[in-house]
Amino acid sequence: MIREFFSETAVGIVMLLLIIILVNPTGMLMATSTEMMLLVGIVLLFGLFALFVWREKAEDEREIMHRMFADRIGFLAGSATLMLGIIIESLRHNLSDWLLIALGTMVLAKIFGSIYGKLKH
């Protein structure tokens, strides 16, 4: 169980580091366009791996509850961040479709997940 926790944490930390490198908050990374495309590709591939390939295994009810609680906090934080982005970009009159698509996808996935859970369990 501890090994799985550390490996999942490592995946999350690597993902955050790749995103920080991609964002380049200090402006120190003067990458060429080819390097930036490679970095975006790495972030996308790693994101796909983390989202679709990584398996979570819960051993008991308590662990299942912890995972569901963490998932709920993640959903709420992601939704709040997207809503803040939508508000800020709307006030700037430069609203990106991707913010709306991402928020809509999150809400649809939650709805379908709730329906699936009620029908299956």
C-alpha atoms as a PDB file:
ATOM      1  CA  MET A   1       0.000   0.000   0.000  1.00  0.00           C
ATOM      2  CA  ILE A   2       2.810   2.426   0.861  1.00  0.00           C
ATOM      3  CA  ARG A   3       4.586   1.556  -2.390  1.00  0.00           C
ATOM      4  CA  GLU A   4       1.444   2.372  -4.397  1.00  0.00           C
ATOM      5  CA  PHE A   5       1.035   5.652  -2.514  1.00  0.00           C
ATOM      6  CA  PHE A   6       4.606   6.716  -3.290  1.00  0.00           C
ATOM      7  CA  SER A   7       4.351   5.686  -6.942  1.00  0.00           C
ATOM      8  CA  GLU A   8       1.066   7.580  -7.381  1.00  0.00           C
ATOM      9  CA  THR A   9       2.581  10.584  -5.626  1.00  0.00           C
ATOM     10  CA  ALA A  10       5.650  10.369  -7.867  1.00  0.00           C
ATOM     11  CA  VAL A  11       3.430  10.360 -10.973  1.00  0.00           C
ATOM     12  CA  GLY A  12       1.643  13.457  -9.708  1.00  0.00           C
ATOM     13  CA  ILE A  13       4.888  15.270  -8.874  1.00  0.00           C
ATOM     14  CA  VAL A  14       6.423  14.478 -12.278  1.00  0.00           C
ATOM     15  CA  MET A  15       3.249  15.725 -13.972  1.00  0.00           C
ATOM     16  CA  LEU A  16       3.358  18.975 -11.986  1.00  0.00           C
ATOM     17  CA  LEU A  17       7.056  19.480 -12.778  1.00  0.00           C
ATOM     18  CA  LEU A  18       6.433  18.988 -16.496  1.00  0.00           C
ATOM     19  CA  ILE A  19       3.577  21.494 -16.387  1.00  0.00           C
ATOM     20  CA  ILE A  20       5.728  24.025 -14.503  1.00  0.00           C
ATOM     21  CA  ILE A  21       8.510  23.611 -17.084  1.00  0.00           C
ATOM     22  CA  LEU A  22       5.947  24.072 -19.856  1.00  0.00           C
ATOM     23  CA  VAL A  23       4.509  27.214 -18.243  1.00  0.00           C
ATOM     24  CA  ASN A  24       8.045  28.585 -17.662  1.00  0.00           C
ATOM     25  CA  PRO A  25       7.095  31.010 -14.869  1.00  0.00           C
ATOM     26  CA  THR A  26      10.575  32.522 -14.433  1.00  0.00           C
ATOM     27  CA  GLY A  27      11.201  33.055 -18.140  1.00  0.00           C
ATOM     28  CA  MET A  28      14.650  31.467 -17.799  1.00  0.00           C
ATOM     29  CA  LEU A  29      13.901  28.660 -20.239  1.00  0.00           C
ATOM     30  CA  MET A  30      14.552  30.064 -23.689  1.00  0.00           C
ATOM     31  CA  ALA A  31      13.438  27.052 -25.680  1.00  0.00           C
ATOM     32  CA  THR A  32      13.201  26.836 -29.438  1.00  0.00           C
ATOM     33  CA  SER A  33       9.884  26.004 -31.044  1.00  0.00           C
ATOM     34  CA  THR A  34      10.985  22.406 -31.601  1.00  0.00           C
ATOM     35  CA  GLU A  35      11.898  21.994 -27.932  1.00  0.00           C
ATOM     36  CA  MET A  36       8.567  23.484 -26.895  1.00  0.00           C
ATOM     37  CA  MET A  37       6.664  21.101 -29.177  1.00  0.00           C
ATOM     38  CA  LEU A  38       8.593  18.170 -27.701  1.00  0.00           C
ATOM     39  CA  LEU A  39       7.842  19.374 -24.199  1.00  0.00           C
ATOM     40  CA  VAL A  40       4.139  19.704 -25.002  1.00  0.00           C
ATOM     41  CA  GLY A  41       4.226  16.191 -26.475  1.00  0.00           C
ATOM     42  CA  ILE A  42       5.866  14.822 -23.338  1.00  0.00           C
ATOM     43  CA  VAL A  43       3.290  16.514 -21.113  1.00  0.00           C
ATOM     44  CA  LEU A  44       0.414  15.202 -23.251  1.00  0.00           C
ATOM     45  CA  LEU A  45       1.769  11.658 -23.379  1.00  0.00           C
ATOM     46  CA  PHE A  46       2.453  11.608 -19.668  1.00  0.00           C
ATOM     47  CA  GLY A  47      -1.015  13.016 -19.002  1.00  0.00           C
ATOM     48  CA  LEU A  48      -2.620  10.314 -21.114  1.00  0.00           C
ATOM     49  CA  PHE A  49      -0.579   7.686 -19.287  1.00  0.00           C
ATOM     50  CA  ALA A  50      -1.547   9.060 -15.895  1.00  0.00           C
ATOM     51  CA  LEU A  51      -5.233   9.342 -16.805  1.00  0.00           C
ATOM     52  CA  PHE A  52      -5.888   6.120 -18.696  1.00  0.00           C
ATOM     53  CA  VAL A  53      -3.170   3.584 -17.921  1.00  0.00           C
ATOM     54  CA  TRP A  54      -2.441   4.125 -14.230  1.00  0.00           C
ATOM     55  CA  ARG A  55      -4.536   1.746 -12.132  1.00  0.00           C
ATOM     56  CA  GLU A  56      -5.830   2.482  -8.689  1.00  0.00           C
ATOM     57  CA  LYS A  57      -6.452  -0.476  -6.405  1.00  0.00           C
ATOM     58  CA  ALA A  58      -8.345  -0.034  -3.163  1.00  0.00           C
ATOM     59  CA  GLU A  59      -7.808  -2.705  -0.516  1.00  0.00           C
ATOM     60  CA  ASP A  60     -10.657  -1.920   1.897  1.00  0.00           C
ATOM     61  CA  GLU A  61     -13.649   0.378   2.429  1.00  0.00           C
ATOM     62  CA  ARG A  62     -11.605   3.012   4.253  1.00  0.00           C
ATOM     63  CA  GLU A  63      -9.168   3.300   1.363  1.00  0.00           C
ATOM     64  CA  ILE A  64     -12.066   3.515  -1.095  1.00  0.00           C
ATOM     65  CA  MET A  65     -13.509   6.363   0.972  1.00  0.00           C
ATOM     66  CA  HIS A  66     -10.161   8.202   0.954  1.00  0.00           C
ATOM     67  CA  ARG A  67      -9.901   7.878  -2.844  1.00  0.00           C
ATOM     68  CA  MET A  68     -13.464   9.107  -3.359  1.00  0.00           C
ATOM     69  CA  PHE A  69     -12.808  12.077  -1.054  1.00  0.00           C
ATOM     70  CA  ALA A  70      -9.589  12.936  -2.923  1.00  0.00           C
ATOM     71  CA  ASP A  71     -11.404  12.609  -6.269  1.00  0.00           C
ATOM     72  CA  ARG A  72     -14.152  14.932  -5.067  1.00  0.00           C
ATOM     73  CA  ILE A  73     -11.666  17.559  -3.890  1.00  0.00           C
ATOM     74  CA  GLY A  74      -9.815  17.283  -7.212  1.00  0.00           C
ATOM     75  CA  PHE A  75     -13.051  17.721  -9.173  1.00  0.00           C
ATOM     76  CA  LEU A  76     -14.086  20.746  -7.123  1.00  0.00           C
ATOM     77  CA  ALA A  77     -10.639  22.364  -7.379  1.00  0.00           C
ATOM     78  CA  GLY A  78     -10.514  21.767 -11.140  1.00  0.00           C
ATOM     79  CA  SER A  79     -14.033  23.130 -11.627  1.00  0.00           C
ATOM     80  CA  ALA A  80     -13.299  26.203  -9.516  1.00  0.00           C
ATOM     81  CA  THR A  81     -10.092  26.864 -11.452  1.00  0.00           C
ATOM     82  CA  LEU A  82     -11.858  26.542 -14.794  1.00  0.00           C
ATOM     83  CA  MET A  83     -14.691  28.796 -13.617  1.00  0.00           C
ATOM     84  CA  LEU A  84     -12.165  31.413 -12.473  1.00  0.00           C
ATOM     85  CA  GLY A  85     -10.458  31.186 -15.868  1.00  0.00           C
ATOM     86  CA  ILE A  86     -13.808  31.573 -17.643  1.00  0.00           C
ATOM     87  CA  ILE A  87     -14.674  34.643 -15.553  1.00  0.00           C
ATOM     88  CA  ILE A  88     -11.285  36.295 -16.032  1.00  0.00           C
ATOM     89  CA  GLU A  89     -11.152  35.632 -19.782  1.00  0.00           C
ATOM     90  CA  SER A  90     -14.775  36.769 -20.185  1.00  0.00           C
ATOM     91  CA  LEU A  91     -13.952  40.065 -18.492  1.00  0.00           C
ATOM     92  CA  ARG A  92     -11.001  40.444 -20.874  1.00  0.00           C
ATOM     93  CA  HIS A  93     -13.323  39.650 -23.817  1.00  0.00           C
ATOM     94  CA  ASN A  94     -11.002  36.801 -24.822  1.00  0.00           C
ATOM     95  CA  LEU A  95     -12.830  33.625 -23.748  1.00  0.00           C
ATOM     96  CA  SER A  96     -11.135  30.411 -24.841  1.00  0.00           C
ATOM     97  CA  ASP A  97     -13.355  27.574 -26.037  1.00  0.00           C
ATOM     98  CA  TRP A  98     -11.042  25.087 -24.325  1.00  0.00           C
ATOM     99  CA  LEU A  99     -12.000  26.316 -20.874  1.00  0.00           C
ATOM    100  CA  LEU A 100     -15.668  25.751 -21.652  1.00  0.00           C
ATOM    101  CA  ILE A 101     -14.993  22.353 -23.234  1.00  0.00           C
ATOM    102  CA  ALA A 102     -12.891  21.224 -20.264  1.00  0.00           C
ATOM    103  CA  LEU A 103     -15.521  22.300 -17.729  1.00  0.00           C
ATOM    104  CA  GLY A 104     -18.316  20.733 -19.777  1.00  0.00           C
ATOM    105  CA  THR A 105     -16.360  17.477 -20.075  1.00  0.00           C
ATOM    106  CA  MET A 106     -15.796  17.375 -16.319  1.00  0.00           C
ATOM    107  CA  VAL A 107     -19.490  17.936 -15.609  1.00  0.00           C
ATOM    108  CA  LEU A 108     -20.588  15.355 -18.190  1.00  0.00           C
ATOM    109  CA  ALA A 109     -18.144  12.789 -16.824  1.00  0.00           C
ATOM    110  CA  LYS A 110     -19.499  13.379 -13.314  1.00  0.00           C
ATOM    111  CA  ILE A 111     -23.089  12.956 -14.523  1.00  0.00           C
ATOM    112  CA  PHE A 112     -22.288   9.760 -16.449  1.00  0.00           C
ATOM    113  CA  GLY A 113     -20.266   8.440 -13.519  1.00  0.00           C
ATOM    114  CA  SER A 114     -23.179   9.029 -11.150  1.00  0.00           C
ATOM    115  CA  ILE A 115     -25.626   7.320 -13.502  1.00  0.00           C
ATOM    116  CA  TYR A 116     -23.243   4.383 -14.032  1.00  0.00           C
ATOM    117  CA  GLY A 117     -22.684   4.033 -10.274  1.00  0.00           C
ATOM    118  CA  LYS A 118     -26.423   3.981  -9.541  1.00  0.00           C
ATOM    119  CA  LEU A 119     -27.151   1.461 -12.277  1.00  0.00           C
ATOM    120  CA  LYS A 120     -24.215  -0.849 -11.488  1.00  0.00           C
ATOM    121  CA  HIS A 121     -24.115  -0.744  -7.694  1.00  0.00           C
END
